Amino acid sequence: MSRIGRDLTFLLTGIAAGSLFGLLYAPDKGKITRDRLSFRLSKYREQINLLLEDLGNSAEQPENSSKNEGQRVVNDAREKAERLLEDVDRLMAQIKQQNT
């Protein structure tokens, strides 16, 4: 697995594990927890957008099979990051809806 794919996998795993742990052991009321979760999700969204920009800047035309494979990995990572952004947007919308 490439470095980008591995890093993205660790990022997604860390987000999921941290969110689950935080929700299970949350000492605060629901509104406070939702506000904190919303803030963290927005921070993760910013980090993912930066990652996507870096991936876009580093993407070049492949010249051989190894570059083709690298481009495929970059495209897969980009798709996963975009799906994660959509999930973050959905979660933030749900949190905002619960706060109103």
Protein backbone atom coordinates (compact mmCIF):
# COMPACT_ATOMS: atom_id res chain seq x y z
CA MET A 1 0.00 0.00 0.00
CA SER A 2 1.32 3.41 -0.85
CA ARG A 3 2.17 6.01 1.74
CA ILE A 4 -0.83 8.18 0.84
CA GLY A 5 -3.24 5.25 1.04
CA ARG A 6 -1.76 4.13 4.34
CA ASP A 7 -1.89 7.64 5.78
CA LEU A 8 -5.49 8.08 4.66
CA THR A 9 -6.42 4.72 6.19
CA PHE A 10 -4.83 5.73 9.50
CA LEU A 11 -6.59 9.11 9.36
CA LEU A 12 -9.99 7.53 8.80
CA THR A 13 -9.40 4.90 11.48
CA GLY A 14 -8.25 7.54 13.96
CA ILE A 15 -11.28 9.72 13.27
CA ALA A 16 -13.66 6.81 13.75
CA ALA A 17 -11.97 5.49 16.90
CA GLY A 18 -11.64 8.93 18.47
CA SER A 19 -15.24 9.82 17.75
CA LEU A 20 -16.54 6.56 19.17
CA PHE A 21 -14.39 6.80 22.30
CA GLY A 22 -15.32 10.44 22.81
CA LEU A 23 -19.04 9.80 22.48
CA LEU A 24 -19.00 6.79 24.78
CA TYR A 25 -17.12 8.56 27.56
CA ALA A 26 -18.46 12.08 27.09
CA PRO A 27 -18.75 13.76 30.50
CA ASP A 28 -20.70 16.73 29.15
CA LYS A 29 -24.30 17.28 28.12
CA GLY A 30 -25.41 16.40 24.61
CA LYS A 31 -25.45 19.96 23.25
CA ILE A 32 -21.91 20.63 24.45
CA THR A 33 -20.72 17.32 23.02
CA ARG A 34 -22.42 18.05 19.68
CA ASP A 35 -20.82 21.50 19.56
CA ARG A 36 -17.39 20.02 20.21
CA LEU A 37 -17.98 17.28 17.65
CA SER A 38 -19.07 19.86 15.10
CA PHE A 39 -15.91 21.89 15.74
CA ARG A 40 -13.67 18.84 15.39
CA LEU A 41 -15.44 17.72 12.23
CA SER A 42 -14.87 21.14 10.70
CA LYS A 43 -11.16 20.89 11.59
CA TYR A 44 -10.96 17.42 10.01
CA ARG A 45 -12.72 18.82 6.96
CA GLU A 46 -10.05 21.51 6.64
CA GLN A 47 -7.29 18.90 6.93
CA ILE A 48 -8.89 16.71 4.29
CA ASN A 49 -9.29 19.68 1.95
CA LEU A 50 -5.58 20.43 2.38
CA LEU A 51 -4.78 16.78 1.63
CA LEU A 52 -6.91 16.94 -1.51
CA GLU A 53 -5.12 20.10 -2.62
CA ASP A 54 -1.75 18.41 -2.07
CA LEU A 55 -2.91 15.38 -4.05
CA GLY A 56 -4.12 17.62 -6.85
CA ASN A 57 -0.86 19.55 -6.93
CA SER A 58 1.26 16.39 -7.01
CA ALA A 59 -0.77 14.66 -9.74
CA GLU A 60 1.18 14.45 -13.00
CA GLN A 61 0.68 12.60 -16.26
CA PRO A 62 1.84 9.01 -15.79
CA GLU A 63 4.58 7.82 -18.13
CA ASN A 64 4.90 4.15 -17.21
CA SER A 65 3.11 1.36 -15.33
CA SER A 66 4.45 2.32 -11.89
CA LYS A 67 3.29 5.89 -12.40
CA ASN A 68 -0.07 4.54 -13.59
CA GLU A 69 -0.35 2.59 -10.35
CA GLY A 70 0.64 5.65 -8.34
CA GLN A 71 -1.97 7.73 -10.14
CA ARG A 72 -4.60 5.08 -9.41
CA VAL A 73 -3.71 5.16 -5.70
CA VAL A 74 -3.89 8.97 -5.69
CA ASN A 75 -7.29 8.86 -7.39
CA ASP A 76 -8.54 6.25 -4.89
CA ALA A 77 -7.32 8.36 -1.98
CA ARG A 78 -9.00 11.42 -3.47
CA GLU A 79 -12.31 9.56 -3.84
CA LYS A 80 -12.14 8.28 -0.25
CA ALA A 81 -11.35 11.75 1.05
CA GLU A 82 -14.26 13.23 -0.90
CA ARG A 83 -16.62 10.60 0.52
CA LEU A 84 -15.32 11.41 4.00
CA LEU A 85 -16.01 15.10 3.36
CA GLU A 86 -19.56 14.25 2.35
CA ASP A 87 -19.97 12.24 5.57
CA VAL A 88 -18.60 15.14 7.61
CA ASP A 89 -21.03 17.53 5.91
CA ARG A 90 -23.94 15.19 6.64
CA LEU A 91 -22.92 14.84 10.30
CA MET A 92 -22.55 18.59 10.69
CA ALA A 93 -26.01 19.11 9.17
CA GLN A 94 -27.48 16.58 11.61
CA ILE A 95 -25.77 18.27 14.54
CA LYS A 96 -27.05 21.68 13.47
CA GLN A 97 -30.54 20.26 13.04
CA GLN A 98 -30.46 18.78 16.55
CA ASN A 99 -29.30 22.08 18.01
CA THR A 100 -32.31 23.94 16.59
